[in-house]
C-alpha cells in the first residue's frame, strides 16, 4: 500500500516596509513551481523587540494589525484558515490571488529598510512551512505506523523541501540583483508539524537557506519531543538557540574575513608570478626574433631610412610587435578588472558560514525557556553552552 505524502503551503511573512505589488508579482513568478505560496506582512514596530529578544521574532501578526497569536500552534492553524478564506474570496484579482491577499502597507519603503537594516535593527522575515497531511499523525516515535510514515516519507520530504525552497530563495535574490532591486532576506524557516503540535524554528544562513541535511536534526527533535525529553507544553523550538547563533556568527564571520585575506594574498602572489613569467617569455621571444638570420640579412640590405623612423626593418617590426602586445595586455587587464568588479551575475549566493543546529532553545507555553543539547539529549545551563562548541570545533579537538 502506497504511503501518503505531505503537501507544502509556504507563507512568506515579511516586514511591511518591504511589501509592494512588484515584490508580490515576482514572488508569484518565482515560487509558482515550488509550492502554493502566500505573502503576509507584519508591522515593523515589533522588530525592535525582536532584535532584543529572539522569542518575539516569530510571533504571527494578525492581518487586521490589532492582535498577535499567543501560541505558534494555534497561529499555524489560524494562518491555514486565513489562507483557505483568501483562496475562496480572491477571485477579484489576478496577480494577488496567485500569492495571497495581505493588508496593504502605507509609506515608502526606505533604502535601509529594504536592505534589512536601519533604526529597527534586523528585519525578522520568516518563511512558514505549513506541512499538510490531513489528520495523519507521525510524531510519536513509539508508534510503529507513525514511525514508518516518518522514516519512509516525512524526513526525506522535509529534506527535499528545504533544498527546493532554499535554492529558490537564492535564485529569487539573484533575479532581484539582476533587476537592480534589493534581495529579500529571511531569518527563519518555521516548520509547523502535525497541524502545529510541534513547531521548529530553523535559523537561516546568510543566503536565506537551510542545509537539507538538517532534516536529520528534525528527526532528533521528533524523538526527544515524542519521548518527553523536552518536557510538557512545548510551544516551539529555536534551532540553534539565539545566543548560540550569535556566537557562531561571530566566529564564522571572523573566519570568513581571514579566508578573504588569505585568498587576496594568494591571488596577488599568483598575479605577480604570472606577470613575471609573461615578461620573461616576452623577453625571450624578442631576443629570438632579433637574432634570427633572416631578419639580420634583411636589415643589412636596407638603408636610407627617413628621419624619425626606426633605424632599420628590424626595429620597425619590433616596434609594431611591442605596440600590439601592449594593446593586448591593456585589454586583458581591463577585462580582468571588470570581471573582478562585477563578478558572475548568474552565480548563486553562498553562505558566509555553516550553521550548527546542535544547541536548541526550548520555549514553553508559560513563557519560560531552557537550553537543550541535542547531542547528549540533556538540558544545559547557559554557562555550559560555550563548552558545547560547533561541530567543526568538536572535530578539531577530537
Protein backbone atom coordinates (compact mmCIF):
# COMPACT_ATOMS: atom_id res chain seq x y z
CA UNK A 1 0.00 0.00 0.00
CA UNK A 2 1.38 3.38 -1.02
CA UNK A 3 2.15 5.76 1.81
CA UNK A 4 0.63 9.25 1.74
CA UNK A 5 2.86 12.23 1.05
CA UNK A 6 2.67 15.68 2.63
CA UNK A 7 1.98 18.86 0.72
CA UNK A 8 3.51 22.23 1.49
CA UNK A 9 1.98 25.67 1.79
CA UNK A 10 4.63 28.36 2.14
CA UNK A 11 3.78 31.64 3.88
CA UNK A 12 6.39 34.35 3.44
CA UNK A 13 5.89 36.58 6.49
CA UNK A 14 7.82 39.78 5.76
CA UNK A 15 8.28 43.23 7.25
CA UNK A 16 5.54 45.51 5.95
CA UNK A 17 8.12 48.05 4.79
CA UNK A 18 9.32 45.60 2.15
CA UNK A 19 5.90 44.87 0.70
CA UNK A 20 4.99 46.08 -2.78
CA UNK A 21 2.97 44.93 -5.75
CA UNK A 22 6.16 44.38 -7.74
CA UNK A 23 7.57 42.13 -5.00
CA UNK A 24 4.37 40.08 -4.86
CA UNK A 25 4.34 39.62 -8.62
CA UNK A 26 7.97 38.50 -8.56
CA UNK A 27 7.22 36.05 -5.74
CA UNK A 28 4.33 34.68 -7.79
CA UNK A 29 6.60 34.15 -10.80
CA UNK A 30 9.50 32.66 -8.85
CA UNK A 31 7.67 30.37 -6.41
CA UNK A 32 4.79 29.07 -8.53
CA UNK A 33 6.68 25.87 -9.43
CA UNK A 34 7.80 25.22 -5.83
CA UNK A 35 4.54 25.13 -3.90
CA UNK A 36 1.48 27.21 -3.08
CA UNK A 37 3.00 30.44 -1.76
CA UNK A 38 1.46 33.41 0.02
CA UNK A 39 2.85 36.73 1.19
CA UNK A 40 1.93 38.07 4.60
CA UNK A 41 3.22 41.16 6.38
CA UNK A 42 3.86 42.08 9.99
CA UNK A 43 4.25 45.60 11.42
CA UNK A 44 7.76 46.93 11.52
CA UNK A 45 7.35 48.13 15.10
CA UNK A 46 7.52 44.60 16.56
CA UNK A 47 11.03 44.22 15.20
CA UNK A 48 12.51 46.43 17.93
CA UNK A 49 11.55 43.79 20.48
CA UNK A 50 12.56 41.01 18.11
CA UNK A 51 16.06 42.36 17.80
CA UNK A 52 16.44 42.46 21.57
CA UNK A 53 14.58 39.26 22.37
CA UNK A 54 14.59 36.45 19.85
CA UNK A 55 11.36 34.83 21.01
CA UNK A 56 9.25 37.74 19.72
CA UNK A 57 10.76 37.48 16.28
CA UNK A 58 8.48 34.59 15.39
CA UNK A 59 5.13 35.90 16.59
CA UNK A 60 2.42 35.74 13.96
CA UNK A 61 0.72 39.09 13.48
CA UNK A 62 -3.00 39.10 12.74
CA UNK A 63 -3.75 40.79 9.44
CA UNK A 64 -6.06 43.37 10.96
CA UNK A 65 -2.96 44.75 12.69
CA UNK A 66 -4.62 44.67 16.12
CA UNK A 67 -3.60 41.37 17.65
CA UNK A 68 -0.91 38.70 17.65
CA UNK A 69 -1.29 34.97 18.20
CA UNK A 70 -0.28 33.76 21.64
CA UNK A 71 0.92 30.35 20.61
CA UNK A 72 2.63 29.16 17.43
CA UNK A 73 0.45 26.05 17.24
CA UNK A 74 -2.81 27.98 17.16
CA UNK A 75 -1.16 30.59 14.95
CA UNK A 76 -0.37 27.94 12.36
CA UNK A 77 -3.99 26.79 12.30
CA UNK A 78 -5.26 30.36 12.09
CA UNK A 79 -2.85 31.07 9.25
CA UNK A 80 -4.04 28.00 7.37
CA UNK A 81 -7.67 29.05 7.84
CA UNK A 82 -6.86 32.54 6.62
CA UNK A 83 -5.24 31.07 3.54
CA UNK A 84 -8.32 29.00 2.75
CA UNK A 85 -10.56 32.02 3.21
CA UNK A 86 -8.32 34.04 0.94
CA UNK A 87 -8.41 31.37 -1.76
CA UNK A 88 -12.20 31.32 -1.83
CA UNK A 89 -12.58 35.09 -1.77
CA UNK A 90 -9.80 36.22 -4.08
CA UNK A 91 -11.46 35.89 -7.47
CA UNK A 92 -11.48 39.67 -7.82
CA UNK A 93 -7.78 39.99 -8.55
CA UNK A 94 -5.32 38.04 -10.65
CA UNK A 95 -1.80 38.81 -9.53
CA UNK A 96 -2.51 38.99 -5.79
CA UNK A 97 -4.63 35.86 -5.91
CA UNK A 98 -1.60 33.86 -7.02
CA UNK A 99 0.33 34.75 -3.90
CA UNK A 100 -2.43 35.60 -1.43
CA UNK A 101 -4.02 38.73 -0.06
CA UNK A 102 -2.43 40.82 2.67
CA UNK A 103 -3.05 44.08 4.41
CA UNK A 104 -1.82 46.98 2.24
CA UNK A 105 1.04 48.99 3.63
CA UNK A 106 1.49 52.72 3.88
CA UNK A 107 4.51 54.89 3.38
CA UNK A 108 7.57 54.44 1.23
CA UNK A 109 9.99 51.60 1.72
CA UNK A 110 13.20 53.23 2.87
CA UNK A 111 16.55 52.21 1.45
CA UNK A 112 17.76 50.97 4.82
CA UNK A 113 14.56 49.04 5.40
CA UNK A 114 14.78 47.35 2.04
CA UNK A 115 18.33 46.33 2.72
CA UNK A 116 17.33 44.74 6.02
CA UNK A 117 18.95 47.28 8.31
CA UNK A 118 18.06 50.59 9.87
CA UNK A 119 16.68 52.05 13.06
CA UNK A 120 14.58 48.97 13.84
CA UNK A 121 17.51 46.56 13.74
CA UNK A 122 17.45 43.44 11.56
CA UNK A 123 14.15 42.55 9.96
CA UNK A 124 12.70 39.25 11.15
CA UNK A 125 11.38 37.75 7.94
CA UNK A 126 10.03 34.23 8.41
CA UNK A 127 9.25 31.53 5.83
CA UNK A 128 6.50 29.43 7.40
CA UNK A 129 6.30 25.81 6.18
CA UNK A 130 2.74 24.53 6.72
CA UNK A 131 3.14 20.77 6.40
CA UNK A 132 -0.24 19.35 5.43
CA UNK A 133 -1.13 15.65 5.80
CA UNK A 134 -4.73 15.93 6.91
CA UNK A 135 -5.28 14.27 10.27
CA UNK A 136 -2.46 11.74 9.92
CA UNK A 137 -0.09 11.54 12.87
CA UNK A 138 3.66 10.98 12.63
CA UNK A 139 5.32 12.50 15.71
CA UNK A 140 5.16 9.52 18.08
CA UNK A 141 8.45 7.58 17.85
CA UNK A 142 6.93 4.70 19.82
CA UNK A 143 4.16 4.00 17.33
CA UNK A 144 5.03 1.57 14.54
CA UNK A 145 2.81 3.13 11.87
CA UNK A 146 3.85 6.68 12.71
CA UNK A 147 7.50 5.63 12.65
CA UNK A 148 7.08 4.09 9.22
CA UNK A 149 5.41 7.23 7.90
CA UNK A 150 8.17 9.43 9.30
CA UNK A 151 11.14 7.27 8.30
CA UNK A 152 9.88 6.39 4.83
CA UNK A 153 8.23 9.66 3.85
CA UNK A 154 8.30 12.71 6.09
CA UNK A 155 12.01 13.02 6.95
CA UNK A 156 13.09 12.68 3.31
CA UNK A 157 10.31 15.02 2.21
CA UNK A 158 11.45 17.71 4.69
CA UNK A 159 15.00 17.50 3.32
CA UNK A 160 13.72 17.86 -0.24
CA UNK A 161 11.57 20.87 0.64
CA UNK A 162 14.42 22.57 2.49
CA UNK A 163 16.56 22.10 -0.61
CA UNK A 164 13.88 23.36 -3.03
CA UNK A 165 12.90 26.41 -1.02
CA UNK A 166 16.48 27.34 -0.11
CA UNK A 167 17.64 27.07 -3.71
CA UNK A 168 14.67 29.11 -4.85
CA UNK A 169 15.49 31.78 -2.27
CA UNK A 170 18.93 32.14 -3.87
CA UNK A 171 17.50 32.25 -7.39
CA UNK A 172 14.90 34.83 -6.37
CA UNK A 173 17.56 37.08 -4.86
CA UNK A 174 19.78 36.66 -7.91
CA UNK A 175 16.88 37.87 -10.06
CA UNK A 176 16.43 40.79 -7.69
CA UNK A 177 20.08 41.77 -8.10
CA UNK A 178 19.87 41.43 -11.87
CA UNK A 179 16.95 43.85 -11.88
CA UNK A 180 18.73 46.33 -9.63
CA UNK A 181 16.44 45.54 -6.70
CA UNK A 182 17.27 44.66 -3.11
CA UNK A 183 17.28 40.95 -2.19
CA UNK A 184 14.59 39.59 0.12
CA UNK A 185 16.38 38.01 3.07
CA UNK A 186 14.87 35.59 5.58
CA UNK A 187 15.96 34.94 9.15
CA UNK A 188 13.95 31.82 9.99
CA UNK A 189 12.25 28.79 8.46
CA UNK A 190 9.32 27.79 10.67
CA UNK A 191 8.20 24.17 10.32
CA UNK A 192 4.66 23.51 11.56
CA UNK A 193 4.40 19.74 12.05
CA UNK A 194 1.27 17.69 12.66
CA UNK A 195 -1.09 20.67 12.46
CA UNK A 196 1.08 22.84 14.70
CA UNK A 197 1.62 20.33 17.53
CA UNK A 198 5.37 20.75 17.09
CA UNK A 199 6.89 23.99 15.79
CA UNK A 200 10.57 24.04 14.83
CA UNK A 201 12.29 27.33 14.08
CA UNK A 202 15.37 26.83 11.91
CA UNK A 203 17.75 29.75 11.65
CA UNK A 204 18.67 30.57 8.04
CA UNK A 205 22.21 31.09 6.88
CA UNK A 206 23.28 34.36 5.24
CA UNK A 207 21.89 33.16 1.89
CA UNK A 208 18.39 32.64 3.38
CA UNK A 209 18.73 28.88 3.14
CA UNK A 210 18.85 25.89 5.48
CA UNK A 211 21.03 22.86 4.81
CA UNK A 212 18.77 19.97 3.68
CA UNK A 213 20.75 17.64 5.97
CA UNK A 214 19.04 19.47 8.85
CA UNK A 215 16.12 17.08 8.32
CA UNK A 216 18.14 14.66 10.46
CA UNK A 217 18.11 17.25 13.26
CA UNK A 218 14.32 17.43 12.92
CA UNK A 219 14.24 13.67 13.38
CA UNK A 220 16.18 14.02 16.65
CA UNK A 221 13.74 16.74 17.69
CA UNK A 222 10.80 14.43 16.96
CA UNK A 223 12.32 11.68 19.09
CA UNK A 224 13.07 14.00 22.01
CA UNK A 225 9.61 15.56 21.78
CA UNK A 226 7.79 12.24 21.46
CA UNK A 227 9.69 10.65 24.33
CA UNK A 228 9.02 13.57 26.66
CA UNK A 229 12.69 14.58 26.94
CA UNK A 230 11.80 18.23 26.29
CA UNK A 231 9.13 18.42 28.99
CA UNK A 232 5.46 19.24 28.62
CA UNK A 233 3.65 22.12 26.93
CA UNK A 234 6.42 22.86 24.46
CA UNK A 235 5.50 25.95 22.46
CA UNK A 236 8.31 25.88 19.93
CA UNK A 237 11.98 25.04 19.50
CA UNK A 238 14.58 27.51 18.18
CA UNK A 239 17.49 25.84 16.40
CA UNK A 240 20.15 26.89 17.19
CA UNK A 241 19.46 28.89 20.35
CA UNK A 242 19.73 32.66 19.69
CA UNK A 243 22.78 33.11 21.92
CA UNK A 244 24.49 30.15 20.27
CA UNK A 245 23.72 31.58 16.84
CA UNK A 246 25.36 34.88 17.76
CA UNK A 247 28.44 33.02 18.96
CA UNK A 248 28.61 31.02 15.73
CA UNK A 249 28.04 34.16 13.70
CA UNK A 250 30.91 36.00 15.36
CA UNK A 251 33.25 33.06 14.87
CA UNK A 252 32.06 32.39 11.31
CA UNK A 253 32.43 35.98 10.14
CA UNK A 254 35.91 36.19 11.65
CA UNK A 255 36.88 33.01 9.80
CA UNK A 256 35.40 34.39 6.59
CA UNK A 257 37.41 37.60 6.94
CA UNK A 258 40.58 35.57 7.46
CA UNK A 259 39.81 33.45 4.37
CA UNK A 260 39.33 36.60 2.30
CA UNK A 261 42.68 37.99 3.43
CA UNK A 262 44.42 34.71 2.57
CA UNK A 263 42.66 34.45 -0.79
CA UNK A 264 43.66 38.02 -1.65
CA UNK A 265 47.28 37.30 -0.76
CA UNK A 266 47.24 34.12 -2.87
CA UNK A 267 45.68 35.99 -5.80
CA UNK A 268 48.31 38.76 -5.59
CA UNK A 269 51.13 36.20 -5.44
CA UNK A 270 49.69 34.32 -8.41
CA UNK A 271 49.28 37.54 -10.40
CA UNK A 272 52.89 38.52 -9.66
CA UNK A 273 54.15 35.09 -10.69
CA UNK A 274 52.12 35.14 -13.92
CA UNK A 275 53.36 38.66 -14.74
CA UNK A 276 56.98 37.62 -14.18
CA UNK A 277 56.57 34.54 -16.38
CA UNK A 278 54.91 36.58 -19.12
CA UNK A 279 57.67 39.21 -19.02
CA UNK A 280 60.38 36.54 -19.23
CA UNK A 281 58.63 34.80 -22.11
CA UNK A 282 58.21 38.08 -23.97
CA UNK A 283 61.86 38.99 -23.48
CA UNK A 284 62.97 35.58 -24.75
CA UNK A 285 60.72 35.90 -27.80
CA UNK A 286 62.08 39.36 -28.60
CA UNK A 287 65.67 38.16 -28.36
CA UNK A 288 64.97 35.18 -30.56
CA UNK A 289 63.20 37.41 -33.06
CA UNK A 290 66.03 39.96 -33.27
CA UNK A 291 68.72 37.30 -33.63
CA UNK A 292 67.05 35.38 -36.46
CA UNK A 293 69.34 35.08 -39.59
CA UNK A 294 66.59 36.13 -41.97
CA UNK A 295 65.88 39.38 -40.11
CA UNK A 296 69.60 40.17 -39.78
CA UNK A 297 70.15 39.70 -43.53
CA UNK A 298 67.06 41.73 -44.36
CA UNK A 299 68.16 44.60 -42.10
CA UNK A 300 71.66 44.67 -43.64
CA UNK A 301 70.26 45.23 -47.15
CA UNK A 302 68.17 48.25 -46.16
CA UNK A 303 69.36 51.82 -45.83
CA UNK A 304 68.19 55.42 -46.34
CA UNK A 305 65.57 55.44 -43.64
CA UNK A 306 63.51 58.63 -43.16
CA UNK A 307 64.31 60.90 -40.17
CA UNK A 308 62.40 59.96 -37.07
CA UNK A 309 61.64 56.46 -38.36
CA UNK A 310 63.15 53.29 -36.88
CA UNK A 311 66.77 52.74 -37.94
CA UNK A 312 66.06 49.51 -39.81
CA UNK A 313 63.44 46.94 -40.67
CA UNK A 314 64.14 45.00 -37.50
CA UNK A 315 63.34 47.98 -35.29
CA UNK A 316 60.19 48.77 -37.29
CA UNK A 317 58.96 45.20 -36.91
CA UNK A 318 59.87 45.12 -33.21
CA UNK A 319 58.04 48.41 -32.57
CA UNK A 320 54.89 47.07 -34.24
CA UNK A 321 55.18 43.89 -32.22
CA UNK A 322 55.51 45.87 -28.97
CA UNK A 323 52.51 48.05 -29.81
CA UNK A 324 50.29 45.00 -30.43
CA UNK A 325 51.50 43.31 -27.22
CA UNK A 326 50.83 46.45 -25.19
CA UNK A 327 47.30 46.79 -26.59
CA UNK A 328 46.52 43.13 -25.89
CA UNK A 329 47.84 43.44 -22.33
CA UNK A 330 45.74 46.53 -21.68
CA UNK A 331 42.63 44.77 -22.99
CA UNK A 332 43.27 41.73 -20.78
CA UNK A 333 43.86 43.88 -17.70
CA UNK A 334 40.68 45.88 -18.35
CA UNK A 335 38.67 42.67 -18.74
CA UNK A 336 40.11 41.16 -15.54
CA UNK A 337 39.35 44.35 -13.63
CA UNK A 338 35.79 44.40 -14.95
CA UNK A 339 35.23 40.73 -14.07
CA UNK A 340 36.59 41.31 -10.56
CA UNK A 341 34.29 44.29 -10.00
CA UNK A 342 31.08 42.76 -11.32
CA UNK A 343 31.59 39.07 -10.58
CA UNK A 344 29.40 36.39 -12.12
CA UNK A 345 25.87 37.83 -12.26
CA UNK A 346 24.42 34.31 -12.53
CA UNK A 347 26.21 32.85 -9.52
CA UNK A 348 24.02 31.81 -6.59
CA UNK A 349 24.89 33.31 -3.24
CA UNK A 350 26.96 31.21 -0.87
CA UNK A 351 26.57 31.27 2.90
CA UNK A 352 29.15 33.17 4.93
CA UNK A 353 29.47 30.23 7.31
CA UNK A 354 27.80 26.90 8.06
CA UNK A 355 25.38 26.68 10.98
CA UNK A 356 25.46 24.04 13.69
CA UNK A 357 21.97 23.16 14.97
CA UNK A 358 23.10 21.11 17.97
CA UNK A 359 22.03 23.51 20.75
CA UNK A 360 18.30 24.27 20.96
CA UNK A 361 16.21 26.75 22.89
CA UNK A 362 13.00 25.10 24.12
CA UNK A 363 10.19 27.57 24.75
CA UNK A 364 7.13 26.66 26.82
CA UNK A 365 3.57 27.87 26.97
CA UNK A 366 4.15 29.62 30.30
CA UNK A 367 6.83 31.85 28.74
CA UNK A 368 9.84 30.03 30.19
CA UNK A 369 12.72 28.68 28.10
CA UNK A 370 15.54 26.18 28.54
CA UNK A 371 18.63 25.20 26.55
CA UNK A 372 18.84 21.63 25.25
CA UNK A 373 21.93 19.88 23.89
CA UNK A 374 20.64 17.53 21.19
CA UNK A 375 23.92 15.61 21.02
CA UNK A 376 23.66 14.47 24.64
CA UNK A 377 19.84 14.77 24.90
CA UNK A 378 20.18 16.79 28.12
CA UNK A 379 19.33 20.28 29.30
CA UNK A 380 22.29 22.59 29.86
CA UNK A 381 22.82 25.81 31.72
CA UNK A 382 23.73 28.98 29.76
CA UNK A 383 27.25 28.95 31.21
CA UNK A 384 27.79 25.49 29.77
CA UNK A 385 26.92 26.41 26.19
CA UNK A 386 30.44 27.63 25.41
CA UNK A 387 31.69 24.13 26.23
CA UNK A 388 29.44 22.56 23.60
CA UNK A 389 31.17 24.19 20.64
CA UNK A 390 30.25 23.80 16.99
CA UNK A 391 30.59 20.56 15.08
CA UNK A 392 33.80 21.82 13.44
CA UNK A 393 35.27 22.81 16.79
CA UNK A 394 34.41 19.42 18.31
CA UNK A 395 36.02 17.64 15.35
CA UNK A 396 39.16 19.78 15.74
CA UNK A 397 39.52 18.80 19.40
CA UNK A 398 38.73 15.13 18.83
